[in-house]
Amino acid sequence: MCLAIPGKILNIEGNSAIVDFDGIKQKVIVALIQNPEVGKFVIVHAGYAIEQMDEKDALEAIEQWKELADEQNLDLSDVL
């Protein structure tokens, strides 16, 4: 099963970026997407940004992930 989580790019250095997943910050490779920009949302799978996405859709998806985590008595960090 593949899980892809949306996050917001905080800064970019070369082919990697720090991405914020609702307060959880992780280093992510952004080499697979065109023109990554600070402030944009990306979908991340296995440490790689695989697609950019609209902010509204990203925020909705993050809320859905949080609801799923709550239903399973998990923290969002448990699914990242």
N, C-alpha and C. Protein backbone atom coordinates (compact mmCIF):
# COMPACT_ATOMS: atom_id res chain seq x y z
N MET A 1 0.84 -1.17 0.00
CA MET A 1 0.00 0.00 0.00
C MET A 1 0.89 1.23 0.00
N CYS A 2 0.51 2.23 -0.76
CA CYS A 2 1.26 3.48 -0.84
C CYS A 2 0.53 4.57 -0.08
N LEU A 3 1.25 5.30 0.73
CA LEU A 3 0.71 6.46 1.40
C LEU A 3 1.45 7.68 0.92
N ALA A 4 0.72 8.69 0.52
CA ALA A 4 1.31 9.94 0.09
C ALA A 4 0.69 11.05 0.93
N ILE A 5 1.51 11.79 1.62
CA ILE A 5 1.06 12.80 2.57
C ILE A 5 1.40 14.19 2.05
N PRO A 6 0.45 15.14 2.08
CA PRO A 6 0.77 16.51 1.66
C PRO A 6 1.49 17.29 2.75
N GLY A 7 2.40 18.15 2.33
CA GLY A 7 3.12 19.02 3.24
C GLY A 7 3.52 20.30 2.54
N LYS A 8 3.89 21.30 3.32
CA LYS A 8 4.26 22.62 2.79
C LYS A 8 5.77 22.80 2.82
N ILE A 9 6.33 23.22 1.70
CA ILE A 9 7.77 23.45 1.60
C ILE A 9 8.14 24.70 2.40
N LEU A 10 9.06 24.53 3.36
CA LEU A 10 9.52 25.65 4.19
C LEU A 10 10.79 26.28 3.65
N ASN A 11 11.72 25.46 3.19
CA ASN A 11 12.93 25.97 2.54
C ASN A 11 13.49 24.90 1.63
N ILE A 12 14.29 25.36 0.68
CA ILE A 12 14.87 24.46 -0.33
C ILE A 12 16.36 24.68 -0.35
N GLU A 13 17.10 23.56 -0.39
CA GLU A 13 18.54 23.63 -0.52
C GLU A 13 18.96 22.54 -1.50
N GLY A 14 19.30 22.94 -2.70
CA GLY A 14 19.66 21.97 -3.74
C GLY A 14 18.45 21.14 -4.13
N ASN A 15 18.61 19.81 -4.08
CA ASN A 15 17.52 18.90 -4.44
C ASN A 15 16.70 18.44 -3.24
N SER A 16 16.91 19.06 -2.09
CA SER A 16 16.13 18.68 -0.92
C SER A 16 15.45 19.90 -0.31
N ALA A 17 14.46 19.63 0.51
CA ALA A 17 13.70 20.70 1.15
C ALA A 17 13.26 20.23 2.53
N ILE A 18 12.98 21.21 3.38
CA ILE A 18 12.33 20.92 4.65
C ILE A 18 10.84 21.15 4.40
N VAL A 19 10.05 20.11 4.68
CA VAL A 19 8.62 20.15 4.44
C VAL A 19 7.90 20.00 5.77
N ASP A 20 6.88 20.85 5.97
CA ASP A 20 6.09 20.85 7.19
C ASP A 20 4.80 20.06 6.96
N PHE A 21 4.65 18.99 7.75
CA PHE A 21 3.45 18.16 7.73
C PHE A 21 2.65 18.48 8.99
N ASP A 22 1.91 19.57 8.97
CA ASP A 22 1.09 19.99 10.11
C ASP A 22 1.91 20.02 11.40
N GLY A 23 3.07 20.66 11.35
CA GLY A 23 3.92 20.82 12.52
C GLY A 23 5.06 19.83 12.63
N ILE A 24 5.03 18.80 11.82
CA ILE A 24 6.11 17.81 11.80
C ILE A 24 6.99 18.15 10.59
N LYS A 25 8.24 18.46 10.85
CA LYS A 25 9.14 18.88 9.77
C LYS A 25 10.09 17.76 9.41
N GLN A 26 10.20 17.50 8.10
CA GLN A 26 11.11 16.45 7.63
C GLN A 26 11.82 16.91 6.37
N LYS A 27 13.01 16.33 6.18
CA LYS A 27 13.78 16.58 4.97
C LYS A 27 13.22 15.68 3.87
N VAL A 28 13.00 16.28 2.69
CA VAL A 28 12.37 15.60 1.57
C VAL A 28 13.16 15.91 0.29
N ILE A 29 13.28 14.93 -0.59
CA ILE A 29 13.91 15.16 -1.89
C ILE A 29 12.86 15.78 -2.83
N VAL A 30 13.22 16.88 -3.47
CA VAL A 30 12.29 17.57 -4.38
C VAL A 30 12.73 17.50 -5.84
N ALA A 31 13.69 16.64 -6.13
CA ALA A 31 14.25 16.55 -7.48
C ALA A 31 13.26 16.03 -8.52
N LEU A 32 12.19 15.37 -8.09
CA LEU A 32 11.25 14.77 -9.03
C LEU A 32 10.16 15.72 -9.50
N ILE A 33 10.06 16.90 -8.91
CA ILE A 33 9.03 17.85 -9.32
C ILE A 33 9.67 19.07 -9.97
N GLN A 34 8.91 19.68 -10.88
CA GLN A 34 9.41 20.87 -11.58
C GLN A 34 9.16 22.11 -10.74
N ASN A 35 10.15 22.95 -10.66
CA ASN A 35 10.06 24.25 -10.02
C ASN A 35 9.47 24.23 -8.62
N PRO A 36 10.05 23.46 -7.72
CA PRO A 36 9.54 23.51 -6.34
C PRO A 36 9.77 24.91 -5.77
N GLU A 37 8.80 25.39 -4.98
CA GLU A 37 8.90 26.73 -4.41
C GLU A 37 8.53 26.71 -2.94
N VAL A 38 9.22 27.54 -2.18
CA VAL A 38 8.89 27.71 -0.76
C VAL A 38 7.45 28.21 -0.68
N GLY A 39 6.69 27.61 0.24
CA GLY A 39 5.31 28.00 0.43
C GLY A 39 4.31 27.15 -0.34
N LYS A 40 4.79 26.36 -1.30
CA LYS A 40 3.91 25.49 -2.08
C LYS A 40 3.73 24.16 -1.36
N PHE A 41 2.62 23.50 -1.65
CA PHE A 41 2.34 22.19 -1.07
C PHE A 41 2.73 21.09 -2.05
N VAL A 42 3.26 20.01 -1.50
CA VAL A 42 3.65 18.86 -2.30
C VAL A 42 3.12 17.58 -1.64
N ILE A 43 2.93 16.57 -2.46
CA ILE A 43 2.59 15.25 -1.95
C ILE A 43 3.90 14.49 -1.83
N VAL A 44 4.12 13.88 -0.67
CA VAL A 44 5.38 13.20 -0.39
C VAL A 44 5.13 11.72 -0.15
N HIS A 45 5.92 10.90 -0.82
CA HIS A 45 5.88 9.45 -0.62
C HIS A 45 7.30 8.95 -0.47
N ALA A 46 7.56 8.21 0.58
CA ALA A 46 8.86 7.59 0.83
C ALA A 46 10.01 8.59 0.77
N GLY A 47 9.76 9.81 1.28
CA GLY A 47 10.81 10.81 1.35
C GLY A 47 11.01 11.62 0.09
N TYR A 48 10.18 11.40 -0.93
CA TYR A 48 10.28 12.13 -2.20
C TYR A 48 9.00 12.92 -2.46
N ALA A 49 9.15 14.19 -2.81
CA ALA A 49 8.01 14.97 -3.28
C ALA A 49 7.69 14.46 -4.68
N ILE A 50 6.46 14.00 -4.88
CA ILE A 50 6.12 13.40 -6.17
C ILE A 50 5.16 14.25 -6.99
N GLU A 51 4.56 15.27 -6.35
CA GLU A 51 3.62 16.12 -7.08
C GLU A 51 3.34 17.37 -6.26
N GLN A 52 3.13 18.48 -6.95
CA GLN A 52 2.69 19.69 -6.28
C GLN A 52 1.17 19.68 -6.24
N MET A 53 0.59 20.33 -5.23
CA MET A 53 -0.87 20.36 -5.16
C MET A 53 -1.36 21.70 -4.66
N ASP A 54 -2.61 21.95 -4.94
CA ASP A 54 -3.30 23.17 -4.55
C ASP A 54 -3.39 23.24 -3.02
N GLU A 55 -3.24 24.43 -2.45
CA GLU A 55 -3.26 24.60 -1.00
C GLU A 55 -4.58 24.13 -0.39
N LYS A 56 -5.69 24.48 -1.00
CA LYS A 56 -7.01 24.09 -0.47
C LYS A 56 -7.12 22.56 -0.39
N ASP A 57 -6.73 21.89 -1.47
CA ASP A 57 -6.79 20.43 -1.49
C ASP A 57 -5.83 19.82 -0.47
N ALA A 58 -4.66 20.43 -0.34
CA ALA A 58 -3.67 19.93 0.62
C ALA A 58 -4.19 20.04 2.05
N LEU A 59 -4.77 21.18 2.39
CA LEU A 59 -5.28 21.37 3.75
C LEU A 59 -6.43 20.41 4.05
N GLU A 60 -7.28 20.15 3.06
CA GLU A 60 -8.36 19.18 3.23
C GLU A 60 -7.79 17.77 3.46
N ALA A 61 -6.78 17.42 2.68
CA ALA A 61 -6.17 16.09 2.82
C ALA A 61 -5.49 15.94 4.18
N ILE A 62 -4.84 16.99 4.66
CA ILE A 62 -4.20 16.94 5.97
C ILE A 62 -5.25 16.71 7.06
N GLU A 63 -6.38 17.38 6.95
CA GLU A 63 -7.45 17.19 7.93
C GLU A 63 -7.96 15.75 7.90
N GLN A 64 -8.09 15.18 6.70
CA GLN A 64 -8.52 13.79 6.58
C GLN A 64 -7.51 12.84 7.22
N TRP A 65 -6.21 13.09 7.02
CA TRP A 65 -5.17 12.27 7.64
C TRP A 65 -5.26 12.36 9.16
N LYS A 66 -5.49 13.58 9.67
CA LYS A 66 -5.60 13.77 11.11
C LYS A 66 -6.81 13.02 11.67
N GLU A 67 -7.93 13.04 10.95
CA GLU A 67 -9.12 12.32 11.39
C GLU A 67 -8.85 10.81 11.43
N LEU A 68 -8.19 10.30 10.38
CA LEU A 68 -7.86 8.87 10.36
C LEU A 68 -6.94 8.49 11.51
N ALA A 69 -5.95 9.33 11.75
CA ALA A 69 -5.02 9.06 12.85
C ALA A 69 -5.78 9.07 14.18
N ASP A 70 -6.68 10.03 14.37
CA ASP A 70 -7.46 10.10 15.61
C ASP A 70 -8.32 8.86 15.80
N GLU A 71 -8.94 8.40 14.72
CA GLU A 71 -9.80 7.21 14.79
C GLU A 71 -9.01 5.97 15.23
N GLN A 72 -7.74 5.94 14.88
CA GLN A 72 -6.89 4.80 15.21
C GLN A 72 -6.05 5.05 16.47
N ASN A 73 -6.35 6.14 17.16
CA ASN A 73 -5.60 6.53 18.36
C ASN A 73 -4.11 6.69 18.08
N LEU A 74 -3.81 7.30 16.94
CA LEU A 74 -2.42 7.55 16.55
C LEU A 74 -2.20 9.04 16.47
N ASP A 75 -0.95 9.43 16.52
CA ASP A 75 -0.54 10.80 16.27
C ASP A 75 -0.23 10.88 14.77
N LEU A 76 -0.39 12.06 14.19
CA LEU A 76 -0.09 12.20 12.76
C LEU A 76 1.33 11.76 12.45
N SER A 77 2.26 11.95 13.38
CA SER A 77 3.66 11.53 13.17
C SER A 77 3.77 10.02 13.01
N ASP A 78 2.82 9.26 13.52
CA ASP A 78 2.85 7.80 13.39
C ASP A 78 2.61 7.33 11.97
N VAL A 79 1.96 8.16 11.15
CA VAL A 79 1.67 7.75 9.77
C VAL A 79 2.65 8.34 8.76
N LEU A 80 3.56 9.17 9.24
CA LEU A 80 4.56 9.76 8.32
C LEU A 80 5.74 8.84 8.13
